Amino acid sequence: MSFEPKIIAFLCTWCSYAGADLAGISRLQYPPSIRIIKVPCSGRISANLILDAIRSGADGVLVSGCHPGDCHYQSGNYHARRRFVLLKNLLEFVGLESDRLHFTWISASEGEQFAAVVREVTDRVRGLGPATRFVKHLPDGSGK
């Protein structure tokens, strides 16, 4: 039996979650490795939420929001993009492959794009193997 990764996907309500819904309505095929968490805006996803997902057993994390310029909260997706770059550097610093974290823009009309991204992220994380060996190196968010 091959390794099937567990991927947590934080999707913004307005665009990416609607794109995932369109993929489902259109019966588009993508791996069942993804667990979707609907959030108001990708800009609300903190580094601690992503690290908590990995500490809790996720092998990868996908964060997806509205396209630049289309955020319902004006600049939330720009905040998310800046946070994402810093977090990828942090993951590499503690020895966790940065490819476990993926950030993308998906609109409500891009169901096919959503399915393609899930396939791509799943394949990438599957190639990296389980993340459990790195969990002890992740900061716990307590500040200690």
N, C-alpha and C. Protein backbone atom coordinates (compact mmCIF):
# COMPACT_ATOMS: atom_id res chain seq x y z
N MET A 1 0.85 -1.19 0.00
CA MET A 1 0.00 0.00 0.00
C MET A 1 0.89 1.25 0.00
N SER A 2 0.63 2.18 -0.89
CA SER A 2 1.44 3.39 -0.97
C SER A 2 0.96 4.43 0.04
N PHE A 3 1.84 5.33 0.36
CA PHE A 3 1.54 6.41 1.29
C PHE A 3 0.54 7.37 0.68
N GLU A 4 -0.54 7.63 1.39
CA GLU A 4 -1.53 8.63 0.97
C GLU A 4 -1.48 9.78 1.97
N PRO A 5 -1.07 10.94 1.52
CA PRO A 5 -0.91 12.06 2.45
C PRO A 5 -2.24 12.63 2.93
N LYS A 6 -2.16 13.25 4.09
CA LYS A 6 -3.30 13.99 4.62
C LYS A 6 -2.97 15.46 4.44
N ILE A 7 -3.80 16.17 3.69
CA ILE A 7 -3.55 17.57 3.37
C ILE A 7 -4.71 18.42 3.89
N ILE A 8 -4.38 19.41 4.69
CA ILE A 8 -5.38 20.34 5.20
C ILE A 8 -5.43 21.54 4.25
N ALA A 9 -6.62 21.89 3.81
CA ALA A 9 -6.79 23.01 2.89
C ALA A 9 -7.63 24.10 3.56
N PHE A 10 -7.02 25.26 3.74
CA PHE A 10 -7.73 26.43 4.25
C PHE A 10 -8.18 27.22 3.02
N LEU A 11 -9.49 27.27 2.78
CA LEU A 11 -10.04 27.91 1.58
C LEU A 11 -10.92 29.09 1.97
N CYS A 12 -10.70 30.22 1.30
CA CYS A 12 -11.53 31.39 1.59
C CYS A 12 -12.97 31.13 1.12
N THR A 13 -13.90 31.64 1.87
CA THR A 13 -15.33 31.44 1.60
C THR A 13 -15.74 31.92 0.22
N TRP A 14 -15.26 33.09 -0.16
CA TRP A 14 -15.78 33.79 -1.32
C TRP A 14 -15.34 33.22 -2.65
N CYS A 15 -14.10 32.75 -2.73
CA CYS A 15 -13.57 32.31 -4.02
C CYS A 15 -13.16 30.84 -4.02
N SER A 16 -12.15 30.51 -3.25
CA SER A 16 -11.58 29.16 -3.33
C SER A 16 -12.55 28.08 -2.87
N TYR A 17 -13.30 28.34 -1.80
CA TYR A 17 -14.28 27.35 -1.35
C TYR A 17 -15.36 27.16 -2.41
N ALA A 18 -15.77 28.27 -3.02
CA ALA A 18 -16.76 28.18 -4.09
C ALA A 18 -16.19 27.43 -5.29
N GLY A 19 -14.88 27.59 -5.57
CA GLY A 19 -14.24 26.83 -6.64
C GLY A 19 -14.21 25.34 -6.33
N ALA A 20 -13.97 25.00 -5.06
CA ALA A 20 -14.01 23.60 -4.64
C ALA A 20 -15.43 23.04 -4.78
N ASP A 21 -16.40 23.86 -4.42
CA ASP A 21 -17.81 23.46 -4.56
C ASP A 21 -18.16 23.21 -6.03
N LEU A 22 -17.67 24.08 -6.92
CA LEU A 22 -17.90 23.90 -8.34
C LEU A 22 -17.25 22.61 -8.85
N ALA A 23 -16.06 22.30 -8.35
CA ALA A 23 -15.40 21.04 -8.73
C ALA A 23 -16.27 19.85 -8.33
N GLY A 24 -16.86 19.93 -7.14
CA GLY A 24 -17.73 18.84 -6.68
C GLY A 24 -19.00 18.75 -7.49
N ILE A 25 -19.64 19.87 -7.73
CA ILE A 25 -20.87 19.90 -8.52
C ILE A 25 -20.63 19.38 -9.94
N SER A 26 -19.44 19.71 -10.48
CA SER A 26 -19.08 19.28 -11.83
C SER A 26 -18.56 17.84 -11.87
N ARG A 27 -18.50 17.21 -10.71
CA ARG A 27 -18.01 15.83 -10.57
C ARG A 27 -16.60 15.65 -11.11
N LEU A 28 -15.76 16.65 -10.86
CA LEU A 28 -14.37 16.56 -11.27
C LEU A 28 -13.62 15.67 -10.28
N GLN A 29 -12.74 14.84 -10.78
CA GLN A 29 -12.01 13.90 -9.95
C GLN A 29 -10.74 14.54 -9.40
N TYR A 30 -10.53 14.37 -8.10
CA TYR A 30 -9.27 14.75 -7.46
C TYR A 30 -9.09 13.85 -6.26
N PRO A 31 -7.86 13.70 -5.77
CA PRO A 31 -7.59 12.76 -4.68
C PRO A 31 -8.38 13.09 -3.41
N PRO A 32 -8.75 12.07 -2.66
CA PRO A 32 -9.49 12.29 -1.41
C PRO A 32 -8.58 12.64 -0.23
N SER A 33 -7.36 13.04 -0.52
CA SER A 33 -6.38 13.33 0.53
C SER A 33 -6.62 14.66 1.23
N ILE A 34 -7.49 15.47 0.69
CA ILE A 34 -7.66 16.83 1.17
C ILE A 34 -8.80 16.92 2.20
N ARG A 35 -8.54 17.71 3.24
CA ARG A 35 -9.56 18.01 4.26
C ARG A 35 -9.74 19.52 4.22
N ILE A 36 -10.93 19.95 3.86
CA ILE A 36 -11.19 21.38 3.64
C ILE A 36 -11.68 22.06 4.91
N ILE A 37 -11.08 23.22 5.19
CA ILE A 37 -11.54 24.08 6.27
C ILE A 37 -11.89 25.42 5.63
N LYS A 38 -13.13 25.80 5.75
CA LYS A 38 -13.64 27.05 5.16
C LYS A 38 -13.33 28.20 6.11
N VAL A 39 -12.68 29.24 5.58
CA VAL A 39 -12.32 30.41 6.38
C VAL A 39 -12.86 31.66 5.70
N PRO A 40 -13.09 32.73 6.44
CA PRO A 40 -13.62 33.94 5.81
C PRO A 40 -12.69 34.53 4.76
N CYS A 41 -11.37 34.46 5.01
CA CYS A 41 -10.40 35.08 4.11
C CYS A 41 -9.04 34.40 4.32
N SER A 42 -8.29 34.23 3.24
CA SER A 42 -6.96 33.62 3.36
C SER A 42 -6.04 34.48 4.23
N GLY A 43 -6.32 35.77 4.32
CA GLY A 43 -5.54 36.66 5.16
C GLY A 43 -5.69 36.39 6.64
N ARG A 44 -6.67 35.62 7.02
CA ARG A 44 -6.90 35.29 8.43
C ARG A 44 -6.15 34.04 8.87
N ILE A 45 -5.47 33.38 7.96
CA ILE A 45 -4.74 32.16 8.30
C ILE A 45 -3.38 32.54 8.88
N SER A 46 -3.21 32.26 10.15
CA SER A 46 -1.95 32.60 10.81
C SER A 46 -0.94 31.47 10.64
N ALA A 47 0.31 31.78 10.87
CA ALA A 47 1.36 30.76 10.83
C ALA A 47 1.07 29.67 11.86
N ASN A 48 0.53 30.05 13.01
CA ASN A 48 0.22 29.06 14.05
C ASN A 48 -0.81 28.05 13.57
N LEU A 49 -1.81 28.49 12.81
CA LEU A 49 -2.80 27.54 12.30
C LEU A 49 -2.16 26.52 11.37
N ILE A 50 -1.26 26.97 10.54
CA ILE A 50 -0.58 26.06 9.61
C ILE A 50 0.33 25.11 10.37
N LEU A 51 1.10 25.64 11.32
CA LEU A 51 1.97 24.78 12.11
C LEU A 51 1.18 23.80 12.96
N ASP A 52 0.04 24.24 13.51
CA ASP A 52 -0.82 23.34 14.27
C ASP A 52 -1.34 22.20 13.41
N ALA A 53 -1.68 22.50 12.17
CA ALA A 53 -2.16 21.46 11.26
C ALA A 53 -1.08 20.39 11.07
N ILE A 54 0.16 20.81 10.87
CA ILE A 54 1.25 19.86 10.68
C ILE A 54 1.54 19.10 11.97
N ARG A 55 1.57 19.82 13.10
CA ARG A 55 1.79 19.15 14.39
C ARG A 55 0.69 18.13 14.69
N SER A 56 -0.51 18.38 14.16
CA SER A 56 -1.65 17.49 14.43
C SER A 56 -1.73 16.32 13.45
N GLY A 57 -0.76 16.20 12.55
CA GLY A 57 -0.73 15.03 11.68
C GLY A 57 -0.89 15.28 10.20
N ALA A 58 -1.05 16.54 9.79
CA ALA A 58 -1.14 16.82 8.35
C ALA A 58 0.24 16.67 7.72
N ASP A 59 0.27 16.10 6.54
CA ASP A 59 1.52 15.96 5.81
C ASP A 59 1.77 17.16 4.91
N GLY A 60 0.73 17.94 4.64
CA GLY A 60 0.84 19.12 3.81
C GLY A 60 -0.30 20.07 4.09
N VAL A 61 -0.11 21.33 3.70
CA VAL A 61 -1.14 22.36 3.91
C VAL A 61 -1.28 23.16 2.62
N LEU A 62 -2.52 23.38 2.23
CA LEU A 62 -2.86 24.21 1.09
C LEU A 62 -3.65 25.41 1.61
N VAL A 63 -3.23 26.60 1.24
CA VAL A 63 -3.97 27.82 1.56
C VAL A 63 -4.35 28.44 0.22
N SER A 64 -5.62 28.73 0.05
CA SER A 64 -6.07 29.29 -1.22
C SER A 64 -7.05 30.43 -0.97
N GLY A 65 -6.84 31.49 -1.73
CA GLY A 65 -7.68 32.67 -1.58
C GLY A 65 -8.08 33.26 -2.91
N CYS A 66 -8.67 34.42 -2.86
CA CYS A 66 -9.10 35.14 -4.05
C CYS A 66 -7.88 35.61 -4.84
N HIS A 67 -8.07 35.82 -6.12
CA HIS A 67 -7.00 36.36 -6.95
C HIS A 67 -6.64 37.77 -6.48
N PRO A 68 -5.38 38.18 -6.66
CA PRO A 68 -4.99 39.55 -6.28
C PRO A 68 -5.92 40.58 -6.93
N GLY A 69 -6.37 41.50 -6.12
CA GLY A 69 -7.28 42.53 -6.60
C GLY A 69 -8.74 42.17 -6.47
N ASP A 70 -9.04 40.91 -6.16
CA ASP A 70 -10.44 40.46 -6.05
C ASP A 70 -10.87 40.11 -4.64
N CYS A 71 -10.02 40.36 -3.64
CA CYS A 71 -10.34 39.98 -2.27
C CYS A 71 -11.57 40.74 -1.77
N HIS A 72 -12.50 40.04 -1.18
CA HIS A 72 -13.70 40.67 -0.63
C HIS A 72 -13.38 41.55 0.58
N TYR A 73 -12.20 41.34 1.15
CA TYR A 73 -11.77 42.15 2.29
C TYR A 73 -10.62 43.06 1.88
N GLN A 74 -10.55 43.41 0.64
CA GLN A 74 -9.64 44.36 0.01
C GLN A 74 -8.20 43.88 -0.07
N SER A 75 -7.56 43.56 1.03
CA SER A 75 -6.13 43.23 0.96
C SER A 75 -5.76 41.95 1.72
N GLY A 76 -6.73 41.18 2.11
CA GLY A 76 -6.45 39.96 2.88
C GLY A 76 -5.54 38.99 2.16
N ASN A 77 -5.75 38.83 0.85
CA ASN A 77 -4.91 37.89 0.11
C ASN A 77 -3.47 38.38 0.01
N TYR A 78 -3.24 39.68 0.01
CA TYR A 78 -1.88 40.21 0.00
C TYR A 78 -1.18 39.92 1.33
N HIS A 79 -1.92 40.06 2.43
CA HIS A 79 -1.36 39.72 3.74
C HIS A 79 -1.00 38.23 3.78
N ALA A 80 -1.87 37.40 3.25
CA ALA A 80 -1.62 35.96 3.23
C ALA A 80 -0.37 35.64 2.42
N ARG A 81 -0.20 36.29 1.31
CA ARG A 81 0.97 36.02 0.45
C ARG A 81 2.27 36.37 1.18
N ARG A 82 2.29 37.50 1.87
CA ARG A 82 3.50 37.89 2.62
C ARG A 82 3.78 36.88 3.74
N ARG A 83 2.73 36.49 4.44
CA ARG A 83 2.88 35.53 5.54
C ARG A 83 3.38 34.19 5.00
N PHE A 84 2.89 33.81 3.84
CA PHE A 84 3.26 32.54 3.23
C PHE A 84 4.76 32.48 2.94
N VAL A 85 5.33 33.53 2.39
CA VAL A 85 6.76 33.56 2.07
C VAL A 85 7.59 33.39 3.34
N LEU A 86 7.23 34.09 4.40
CA LEU A 86 7.96 33.98 5.66
C LEU A 86 7.84 32.58 6.26
N LEU A 87 6.66 32.00 6.16
CA LEU A 87 6.44 30.68 6.74
C LEU A 87 7.21 29.60 5.98
N LYS A 88 7.30 29.71 4.68
CA LYS A 88 8.10 28.75 3.91
C LYS A 88 9.56 28.80 4.37
N ASN A 89 10.07 29.98 4.63
CA ASN A 89 11.44 30.12 5.14
C ASN A 89 11.57 29.49 6.52
N LEU A 90 10.58 29.68 7.38
CA LEU A 90 10.60 29.08 8.71
C LEU A 90 10.62 27.55 8.62
N LEU A 91 9.78 27.00 7.75
CA LEU A 91 9.74 25.54 7.60
C LEU A 91 11.10 25.00 7.17
N GLU A 92 11.74 25.65 6.22
CA GLU A 92 13.07 25.22 5.79
C GLU A 92 14.07 25.34 6.93
N PHE A 93 13.96 26.38 7.74
CA PHE A 93 14.88 26.59 8.86
C PHE A 93 14.81 25.45 9.87
N VAL A 94 13.60 24.94 10.14
CA VAL A 94 13.46 23.85 11.11
C VAL A 94 13.62 22.48 10.47
N GLY A 95 13.91 22.44 9.16
CA GLY A 95 14.20 21.17 8.51
C GLY A 95 13.03 20.48 7.84
N LEU A 96 11.95 21.20 7.67
CA LEU A 96 10.77 20.64 7.01
C LEU A 96 10.72 21.16 5.58
N GLU A 97 10.48 20.27 4.64
CA GLU A 97 10.46 20.69 3.24
C GLU A 97 9.40 21.76 3.00
N SER A 98 9.79 22.83 2.33
CA SER A 98 8.85 23.92 2.09
C SER A 98 7.76 23.51 1.10
N ASP A 99 7.98 22.44 0.34
CA ASP A 99 6.96 21.96 -0.60
C ASP A 99 5.75 21.35 0.11
N ARG A 100 5.80 21.24 1.41
CA ARG A 100 4.63 20.76 2.16
C ARG A 100 3.58 21.85 2.28
N LEU A 101 3.97 23.07 2.00
CA LEU A 101 3.08 24.22 2.10
C LEU A 101 2.87 24.78 0.70
N HIS A 102 1.62 24.95 0.33
CA HIS A 102 1.30 25.45 -1.01
C HIS A 102 0.27 26.56 -0.88
N PHE A 103 0.49 27.63 -1.63
CA PHE A 103 -0.45 28.76 -1.63
C PHE A 103 -0.88 29.02 -3.06
N THR A 104 -2.15 29.24 -3.27
CA THR A 104 -2.65 29.47 -4.62
C THR A 104 -3.84 30.42 -4.60
N TRP A 105 -4.16 30.92 -5.78
CA TRP A 105 -5.34 31.77 -5.98
C TRP A 105 -6.32 30.97 -6.83
N ILE A 106 -7.54 30.81 -6.37
CA ILE A 106 -8.56 30.10 -7.14
C ILE A 106 -9.87 30.86 -6.98
N SER A 107 -10.49 31.20 -8.11
CA SER A 107 -11.76 31.93 -8.06
C SER A 107 -12.94 30.95 -8.03
N ALA A 108 -14.11 31.49 -7.82
CA ALA A 108 -15.31 30.68 -7.73
C ALA A 108 -15.63 29.95 -9.03
N SER A 109 -15.13 30.45 -10.15
CA SER A 109 -15.43 29.83 -11.45
C SER A 109 -14.35 28.85 -11.90
N GLU A 110 -13.37 28.56 -11.04
CA GLU A 110 -12.24 27.72 -11.43
C GLU A 110 -12.26 26.34 -10.76
N GLY A 111 -13.33 25.62 -10.96
CA GLY A 111 -13.45 24.27 -10.40
C GLY A 111 -12.39 23.33 -10.97
N GLU A 112 -12.14 23.42 -12.26
CA GLU A 112 -11.11 22.57 -12.87
C GLU A 112 -9.73 22.91 -12.32
N GLN A 113 -9.47 24.19 -12.11
CA GLN A 113 -8.19 24.61 -11.54
C GLN A 113 -8.05 24.07 -10.12
N PHE A 114 -9.13 24.08 -9.33
CA PHE A 114 -9.07 23.55 -7.98
C PHE A 114 -8.69 22.08 -8.00
N ALA A 115 -9.35 21.30 -8.84
CA ALA A 115 -9.06 19.86 -8.92
C ALA A 115 -7.61 19.64 -9.34
N ALA A 116 -7.10 20.44 -10.28
CA ALA A 116 -5.72 20.30 -10.74
C ALA A 116 -4.73 20.63 -9.62
N VAL A 117 -5.03 21.66 -8.84
CA VAL A 117 -4.15 22.04 -7.73
C VAL A 117 -4.12 20.94 -6.69
N VAL A 118 -5.27 20.36 -6.36
CA VAL A 118 -5.30 19.28 -5.37
C VAL A 118 -4.47 18.09 -5.86
N ARG A 119 -4.59 17.75 -7.13
CA ARG A 119 -3.78 16.65 -7.68
C ARG A 119 -2.29 16.97 -7.58
N GLU A 120 -1.93 18.19 -7.96
CA GLU A 120 -0.52 18.60 -7.93
C GLU A 120 0.05 18.57 -6.51
N VAL A 121 -0.68 19.16 -5.57
CA VAL A 121 -0.21 19.23 -4.18
C VAL A 121 -0.13 17.81 -3.60
N THR A 122 -1.11 16.99 -3.87
CA THR A 122 -1.09 15.62 -3.36
C THR A 122 0.11 14.85 -3.90
N ASP A 123 0.38 14.96 -5.18
CA ASP A 123 1.53 14.27 -5.77
C ASP A 123 2.85 14.77 -5.15
N ARG A 124 2.95 16.07 -4.98
CA ARG A 124 4.18 16.64 -4.40
C ARG A 124 4.39 16.16 -2.97
N VAL A 125 3.34 16.20 -2.15
CA VAL A 125 3.46 15.78 -0.75
C VAL A 125 3.67 14.26 -0.66
N ARG A 126 3.01 13.50 -1.51
CA ARG A 126 3.20 12.05 -1.52
C ARG A 126 4.68 11.72 -1.76
N GLY A 127 5.31 12.46 -2.65
CA GLY A 127 6.72 12.25 -2.93
C GLY A 127 7.64 12.57 -1.76
N LEU A 128 7.19 13.46 -0.87
CA LEU A 128 7.99 13.83 0.30
C LEU A 128 7.86 12.83 1.45
N GLY A 129 6.77 12.07 1.47
CA GLY A 129 6.54 11.12 2.56
C GLY A 129 5.89 11.79 3.75
N PRO A 130 5.67 11.02 4.82
CA PRO A 130 5.00 11.55 6.01
C PRO A 130 5.81 12.67 6.67
N ALA A 131 5.11 13.62 7.27
CA ALA A 131 5.76 14.76 7.93
C ALA A 131 6.03 14.48 9.40
N THR A 132 5.60 13.36 9.91
CA THR A 132 5.68 13.09 11.35
C THR A 132 7.09 13.17 11.91
N ARG A 133 8.10 12.87 11.10
CA ARG A 133 9.46 12.88 11.62
C ARG A 133 9.95 14.30 11.93
N PHE A 134 9.25 15.32 11.47
CA PHE A 134 9.67 16.70 11.68
C PHE A 134 8.90 17.42 12.78
N VAL A 135 7.83 16.83 13.23
CA VAL A 135 6.92 17.54 14.14
C VAL A 135 7.64 18.03 15.40
N LYS A 136 8.58 17.25 15.91
CA LYS A 136 9.26 17.65 17.15
C LYS A 136 10.10 18.92 16.98
N HIS A 137 10.44 19.28 15.75
CA HIS A 137 11.25 20.46 15.49
C HIS A 137 10.44 21.74 15.29
N LEU A 138 9.14 21.61 15.17
CA LEU A 138 8.31 22.80 14.90
C LEU A 138 8.10 23.62 16.16
N PRO A 139 8.14 24.93 16.03
CA PRO A 139 7.83 25.77 17.20
C PRO A 139 6.40 25.51 17.65
N ASP A 140 6.18 25.54 18.96
CA ASP A 140 4.84 25.20 19.46
C ASP A 140 3.93 26.41 19.64
N GLY A 141 4.40 27.59 19.33
CA GLY A 141 3.56 28.77 19.42
C GLY A 141 3.43 29.34 20.83
N SER A 142 4.08 28.68 21.79
CA SER A 142 3.96 29.16 23.17
C SER A 142 4.93 30.29 23.48
N GLY A 143 5.91 30.51 22.59
CA GLY A 143 6.89 31.56 22.82
C GLY A 143 8.05 31.11 23.69
N LYS A 144 8.07 29.84 24.08
CA LYS A 144 9.16 29.32 24.93
C LYS A 144 10.21 28.65 24.11
